[in-house]
Amino acid sequence: MSLRDEAVEIHVAVRYGRPIPEIVDEVREAVSPLSGDRRVDVMVEDVTDTEEARKEGSS
């Protein structure tokens, strides 16, 4: 997350299976009440499939 004068920038990694625009909208809706007059920019940095996420979670 970066807080700038004009925007809040959020970087996320998501799990494959849901539409990315839907996830971005949900993140933006959750953060917007906390951002004041700043724009909320959401950047999807990575998309992980569920099998890969399970492997990483167990290591």
PDB file of N, CA and C in Angstrom:
ATOM      1  N   MET A   1       0.837  -1.158   0.000  1.00  0.00           N
ATOM      2  CA  MET A   1       0.000   0.000   0.000  1.00  0.00           C
ATOM      3  C   MET A   1       0.889   1.230   0.000  1.00  0.00           C
ATOM      4  N   SER A   2       0.508   2.201  -0.802  1.00  0.00           N
ATOM      5  CA  SER A   2       1.176   3.502  -0.825  1.00  0.00           C
ATOM      6  C   SER A   2       0.128   4.582  -0.641  1.00  0.00           C
ATOM      7  N   LEU A   3       0.435   5.510   0.229  1.00  0.00           N
ATOM      8  CA  LEU A   3      -0.466   6.632   0.474  1.00  0.00           C
ATOM      9  C   LEU A   3       0.145   7.865  -0.153  1.00  0.00           C
ATOM     10  N   ARG A   4      -0.549   8.424  -1.111  1.00  0.00           N
ATOM     11  CA  ARG A   4      -0.079   9.623  -1.810  1.00  0.00           C
ATOM     12  C   ARG A   4      -1.101  10.744  -1.600  1.00  0.00           C
ATOM     13  N   ASP A   5      -0.719  11.957  -1.980  1.00  0.00           N
ATOM     14  CA  ASP A   5      -1.630  13.096  -1.812  1.00  0.00           C
ATOM     15  C   ASP A   5      -2.953  12.881  -2.538  1.00  0.00           C
ATOM     16  N   GLU A   6      -2.885  12.323  -3.738  1.00  0.00           N
ATOM     17  CA  GLU A   6      -4.079  12.204  -4.569  1.00  0.00           C
ATOM     18  C   GLU A   6      -4.672  10.795  -4.622  1.00  0.00           C
ATOM     19  N   ALA A   7      -3.933   9.785  -4.118  1.00  0.00           N
ATOM     20  CA  ALA A   7      -4.425   8.410  -4.254  1.00  0.00           C
ATOM     21  C   ALA A   7      -3.869   7.488  -3.171  1.00  0.00           C
ATOM     22  N   VAL A   8      -4.625   6.429  -2.927  1.00  0.00           N
ATOM     23  CA  VAL A   8      -4.164   5.306  -2.128  1.00  0.00           C
ATOM     24  C   VAL A   8      -3.932   4.178  -3.131  1.00  0.00           C
ATOM     25  N   GLU A   9      -2.759   3.593  -3.110  1.00  0.00           N
ATOM     26  CA  GLU A   9      -2.416   2.533  -4.054  1.00  0.00           C
ATOM     27  C   GLU A   9      -2.294   1.215  -3.291  1.00  0.00           C
ATOM     28  N   ILE A  10      -3.111   0.235  -3.673  1.00  0.00           N
ATOM     29  CA  ILE A  10      -3.141  -1.067  -3.016  1.00  0.00           C
ATOM     30  C   ILE A  10      -2.663  -2.120  -4.015  1.00  0.00           C
ATOM     31  N   HIS A  11      -1.709  -2.942  -3.592  1.00  0.00           N
ATOM     32  CA  HIS A  11      -1.204  -4.042  -4.429  1.00  0.00           C
ATOM     33  C   HIS A  11      -1.647  -5.363  -3.805  1.00  0.00           C
ATOM     34  N   VAL A  12      -2.229  -6.243  -4.630  1.00  0.00           N
ATOM     35  CA  VAL A  12      -2.740  -7.511  -4.129  1.00  0.00           C
ATOM     36  C   VAL A  12      -2.317  -8.667  -5.026  1.00  0.00           C
ATOM     37  N   ALA A  13      -2.304  -9.851  -4.437  1.00  0.00           N
ATOM     38  CA  ALA A  13      -2.191 -11.103  -5.187  1.00  0.00           C
ATOM     39  C   ALA A  13      -3.521 -11.810  -4.994  1.00  0.00           C
ATOM     40  N   VAL A  14      -4.059 -12.370  -6.062  1.00  0.00           N
ATOM     41  CA  VAL A  14      -5.373 -13.005  -5.991  1.00  0.00           C
ATOM     42  C   VAL A  14      -5.279 -14.463  -6.402  1.00  0.00           C
ATOM     43  N   ARG A  15      -6.254 -15.214  -5.970  1.00  0.00           N
ATOM     44  CA  ARG A  15      -6.336 -16.623  -6.337  1.00  0.00           C
ATOM     45  C   ARG A  15      -7.225 -16.750  -7.564  1.00  0.00           C
ATOM     46  N   TYR A  16      -6.787 -17.553  -8.523  1.00  0.00           N
ATOM     47  CA  TYR A  16      -7.536 -17.796  -9.742  1.00  0.00           C
ATOM     48  C   TYR A  16      -8.913 -18.374  -9.423  1.00  0.00           C
ATOM     49  N   GLY A  17      -9.913 -17.947 -10.173  1.00  0.00           N
ATOM     50  CA  GLY A  17     -11.233 -18.523 -10.021  1.00  0.00           C
ATOM     51  C   GLY A  17     -12.340 -17.490  -9.969  1.00  0.00           C
ATOM     52  N   ARG A  18     -12.020 -16.281  -9.551  1.00  0.00           N
ATOM     53  CA  ARG A  18     -13.012 -15.204  -9.530  1.00  0.00           C
ATOM     54  C   ARG A  18     -12.586 -14.150 -10.541  1.00  0.00           C
ATOM     55  N   PRO A  19     -13.540 -13.452 -11.119  1.00  0.00           N
ATOM     56  CA  PRO A  19     -13.185 -12.389 -12.057  1.00  0.00           C
ATOM     57  C   PRO A  19     -12.364 -11.294 -11.360  1.00  0.00           C
ATOM     58  N   ILE A  20     -11.252 -10.944 -11.949  1.00  0.00           N
ATOM     59  CA  ILE A  20     -10.366  -9.941 -11.344  1.00  0.00           C
ATOM     60  C   ILE A  20     -11.073  -8.599 -11.151  1.00  0.00           C
ATOM     61  N   PRO A  21     -11.853  -8.111 -12.113  1.00  0.00           N
ATOM     62  CA  PRO A  21     -12.539  -6.826 -11.871  1.00  0.00           C
ATOM     63  C   PRO A  21     -13.461  -6.859 -10.640  1.00  0.00           C
ATOM     64  N   GLU A  22     -14.065  -8.006 -10.370  1.00  0.00           N
ATOM     65  CA  GLU A  22     -14.918  -8.148  -9.192  1.00  0.00           C
ATOM     66  C   GLU A  22     -14.100  -8.017  -7.901  1.00  0.00           C
ATOM     67  N   ILE A  23     -12.944  -8.645  -7.872  1.00  0.00           N
ATOM     68  CA  ILE A  23     -12.061  -8.561  -6.703  1.00  0.00           C
ATOM     69  C   ILE A  23     -11.578  -7.131  -6.501  1.00  0.00           C
ATOM     70  N   VAL A  24     -11.157  -6.500  -7.588  1.00  0.00           N
ATOM     71  CA  VAL A  24     -10.667  -5.118  -7.524  1.00  0.00           C
ATOM     72  C   VAL A  24     -11.765  -4.196  -6.989  1.00  0.00           C
ATOM     73  N   ASP A  25     -12.994  -4.378  -7.476  1.00  0.00           N
ATOM     74  CA  ASP A  25     -14.112  -3.554  -6.988  1.00  0.00           C
ATOM     75  C   ASP A  25     -14.343  -3.749  -5.499  1.00  0.00           C
ATOM     76  N   GLU A  26     -14.248  -4.988  -5.025  1.00  0.00           N
ATOM     77  CA  GLU A  26     -14.456  -5.259  -3.595  1.00  0.00           C
ATOM     78  C   GLU A  26     -13.363  -4.624  -2.736  1.00  0.00           C
ATOM     79  N   VAL A  27     -12.129  -4.697  -3.195  1.00  0.00           N
ATOM     80  CA  VAL A  27     -11.023  -4.064  -2.458  1.00  0.00           C
ATOM     81  C   VAL A  27     -11.239  -2.557  -2.430  1.00  0.00           C
ATOM     82  N   ARG A  28     -11.570  -1.996  -3.573  1.00  0.00           N
ATOM     83  CA  ARG A  28     -11.796  -0.547  -3.661  1.00  0.00           C
ATOM     84  C   ARG A  28     -12.940  -0.121  -2.728  1.00  0.00           C
ATOM     85  N   GLU A  29     -14.029  -0.882  -2.718  1.00  0.00           N
ATOM     86  CA  GLU A  29     -15.167  -0.559  -1.838  1.00  0.00           C
ATOM     87  C   GLU A  29     -14.782  -0.633  -0.359  1.00  0.00           C
ATOM     88  N   ALA A  30     -13.931  -1.596  -0.007  1.00  0.00           N
ATOM     89  CA  ALA A  30     -13.515  -1.744   1.394  1.00  0.00           C
ATOM     90  C   ALA A  30     -12.605  -0.610   1.844  1.00  0.00           C
ATOM     91  N   VAL A  31     -11.767  -0.119   0.948  1.00  0.00           N
ATOM     92  CA  VAL A  31     -10.772   0.895   1.305  1.00  0.00           C
ATOM     93  C   VAL A  31     -11.313   2.311   1.146  1.00  0.00           C
ATOM     94  N   SER A  32     -12.230   2.519   0.241  1.00  0.00           N
ATOM     95  CA  SER A  32     -12.720   3.871  -0.059  1.00  0.00           C
ATOM     96  C   SER A  32     -13.185   4.665   1.156  1.00  0.00           C
ATOM     97  N   PRO A  33     -13.929   4.072   2.084  1.00  0.00           N
ATOM     98  CA  PRO A  33     -14.359   4.859   3.249  1.00  0.00           C
ATOM     99  C   PRO A  33     -13.187   5.360   4.107  1.00  0.00           C
ATOM    100  N   LEU A  34     -12.046   4.735   3.979  1.00  0.00           N
ATOM    101  CA  LEU A  34     -10.878   5.108   4.772  1.00  0.00           C
ATOM    102  C   LEU A  34      -9.933   6.047   4.025  1.00  0.00           C
ATOM    103  N   SER A  35     -10.207   6.305   2.752  1.00  0.00           N
ATOM    104  CA  SER A  35      -9.251   7.034   1.914  1.00  0.00           C
ATOM    105  C   SER A  35      -9.517   8.528   1.820  1.00  0.00           C
ATOM    106  N   GLY A  36     -10.570   8.993   2.461  1.00  0.00           N
ATOM    107  CA  GLY A  36     -10.890  10.415   2.376  1.00  0.00           C
ATOM    108  C   GLY A  36     -11.255  10.779   0.946  1.00  0.00           C
ATOM    109  N   ASP A  37     -10.663  11.864   0.451  1.00  0.00           N
ATOM    110  CA  ASP A  37     -10.934  12.314  -0.924  1.00  0.00           C
ATOM    111  C   ASP A  37      -9.992  11.683  -1.937  1.00  0.00           C
ATOM    112  N   ARG A  38      -9.147  10.780  -1.479  1.00  0.00           N
ATOM    113  CA  ARG A  38      -8.161  10.174  -2.381  1.00  0.00           C
ATOM    114  C   ARG A  38      -8.796   9.096  -3.258  1.00  0.00           C
ATOM    115  N   ARG A  39      -8.317   9.012  -4.468  1.00  0.00           N
ATOM    116  CA  ARG A  39      -8.686   7.942  -5.386  1.00  0.00           C
ATOM    117  C   ARG A  39      -8.074   6.645  -4.871  1.00  0.00           C
ATOM    118  N   VAL A  40      -8.734   5.517  -5.073  1.00  0.00           N
ATOM    119  CA  VAL A  40      -8.196   4.220  -4.659  1.00  0.00           C
ATOM    120  C   VAL A  40      -7.809   3.443  -5.915  1.00  0.00           C
ATOM    121  N   ASP A  41      -6.520   3.208  -6.077  1.00  0.00           N
ATOM    122  CA  ASP A  41      -5.994   2.434  -7.202  1.00  0.00           C
ATOM    123  C   ASP A  41      -5.611   1.054  -6.688  1.00  0.00           C
ATOM    124  N   VAL A  42      -6.136   0.020  -7.344  1.00  0.00           N
ATOM    125  CA  VAL A  42      -5.856  -1.359  -6.944  1.00  0.00           C
ATOM    126  C   VAL A  42      -5.066  -2.024  -8.057  1.00  0.00           C
ATOM    127  N   MET A  43      -3.893  -2.547  -7.719  1.00  0.00           N
ATOM    128  CA  MET A  43      -3.018  -3.221  -8.680  1.00  0.00           C
ATOM    129  C   MET A  43      -2.961  -4.707  -8.365  1.00  0.00           C
ATOM    130  N   VAL A  44      -3.299  -5.537  -9.333  1.00  0.00           N
ATOM    131  CA  VAL A  44      -3.186  -6.982  -9.150  1.00  0.00           C
ATOM    132  C   VAL A  44      -1.779  -7.381  -9.603  1.00  0.00           C
ATOM    133  N   GLU A  45      -0.969  -7.786  -8.637  1.00  0.00           N
ATOM    134  CA  GLU A  45       0.434  -8.117  -8.895  1.00  0.00           C
ATOM    135  C   GLU A  45       0.639  -9.557  -9.342  1.00  0.00           C
ATOM    136  N   ASP A  46      -0.255 -10.455  -8.897  1.00  0.00           N
ATOM    137  CA  ASP A  46      -0.075 -11.867  -9.208  1.00  0.00           C
ATOM    138  C   ASP A  46      -1.414 -12.571  -9.133  1.00  0.00           C
ATOM    139  N   VAL A  47      -1.556 -13.609  -9.956  1.00  0.00           N
ATOM    140  CA  VAL A  47      -2.715 -14.493  -9.906  1.00  0.00           C
ATOM    141  C   VAL A  47      -2.176 -15.893  -9.671  1.00  0.00           C
ATOM    142  N   THR A  48      -2.637 -16.515  -8.595  1.00  0.00           N
ATOM    143  CA  THR A  48      -2.148 -17.835  -8.204  1.00  0.00           C
ATOM    144  C   THR A  48      -3.269 -18.846  -8.371  1.00  0.00           C
ATOM    145  N   ASP A  49      -2.939 -20.009  -8.934  1.00  0.00           N
ATOM    146  CA  ASP A  49      -3.983 -21.033  -9.012  1.00  0.00           C
ATOM    147  C   ASP A  49      -4.122 -21.707  -7.654  1.00  0.00           C
ATOM    148  N   THR A  50      -5.225 -22.368  -7.423  1.00  0.00           N
ATOM    149  CA  THR A  50      -5.522 -22.891  -6.093  1.00  0.00           C
ATOM    150  C   THR A  50      -4.552 -23.998  -5.677  1.00  0.00           C
ATOM    151  N   GLU A  51      -4.150 -24.826  -6.596  1.00  0.00           N
ATOM    152  CA  GLU A  51      -3.210 -25.915  -6.266  1.00  0.00           C
ATOM    153  C   GLU A  51      -1.867 -25.324  -5.822  1.00  0.00           C
ATOM    154  N   GLU A  52      -1.383 -24.330  -6.529  1.00  0.00           N
ATOM    155  CA  GLU A  52      -0.124 -23.686  -6.169  1.00  0.00           C
ATOM    156  C   GLU A  52      -0.237 -23.021  -4.799  1.00  0.00           C
ATOM    157  N   ALA A  53      -1.376 -22.404  -4.521  1.00  0.00           N
ATOM    158  CA  ALA A  53      -1.583 -21.738  -3.230  1.00  0.00           C
ATOM    159  C   ALA A  53      -1.562 -22.766  -2.094  1.00  0.00           C
ATOM    160  N   ARG A  54      -2.146 -23.938  -2.320  1.00  0.00           N
ATOM    161  CA  ARG A  54      -2.133 -24.989  -1.282  1.00  0.00           C
ATOM    162  C   ARG A  54      -0.712 -25.443  -1.003  1.00  0.00           C
ATOM    163  N   LYS A  55       0.094 -25.610  -2.043  1.00  0.00           N
ATOM    164  CA  LYS A  55       1.482 -26.060  -1.865  1.00  0.00           C
ATOM    165  C   LYS A  55       2.261 -25.029  -1.046  1.00  0.00           C
ATOM    166  N   GLU A  56       2.117 -23.751  -1.391  1.00  0.00           N
ATOM    167  CA  GLU A  56       2.842 -22.704  -0.689  1.00  0.00           C
ATOM    168  C   GLU A  56       2.376 -22.584   0.756  1.00  0.00           C
ATOM    169  N   GLY A  57       1.091 -22.774   0.991  1.00  0.00           N
ATOM    170  CA  GLY A  57       0.540 -22.668   2.340  1.00  0.00           C
ATOM    171  C   GLY A  57       1.000 -23.767   3.260  1.00  0.00           C
ATOM    172  N   SER A  58       1.382 -24.920   2.708  1.00  0.00           N
ATOM    173  CA  SER A  58       1.797 -26.045   3.551  1.00  0.00           C
ATOM    174  C   SER A  58       3.300 -26.103   3.762  1.00  0.00           C
ATOM    175  N   SER A  59       4.044 -25.222   3.121  1.00  0.00           N
ATOM    176  CA  SER A  59       5.513 -25.266   3.291  1.00  0.00           C
ATOM    177  C   SER A  59       5.990 -24.361   4.393  1.00  0.00           C
TER     178      SER A  59
END
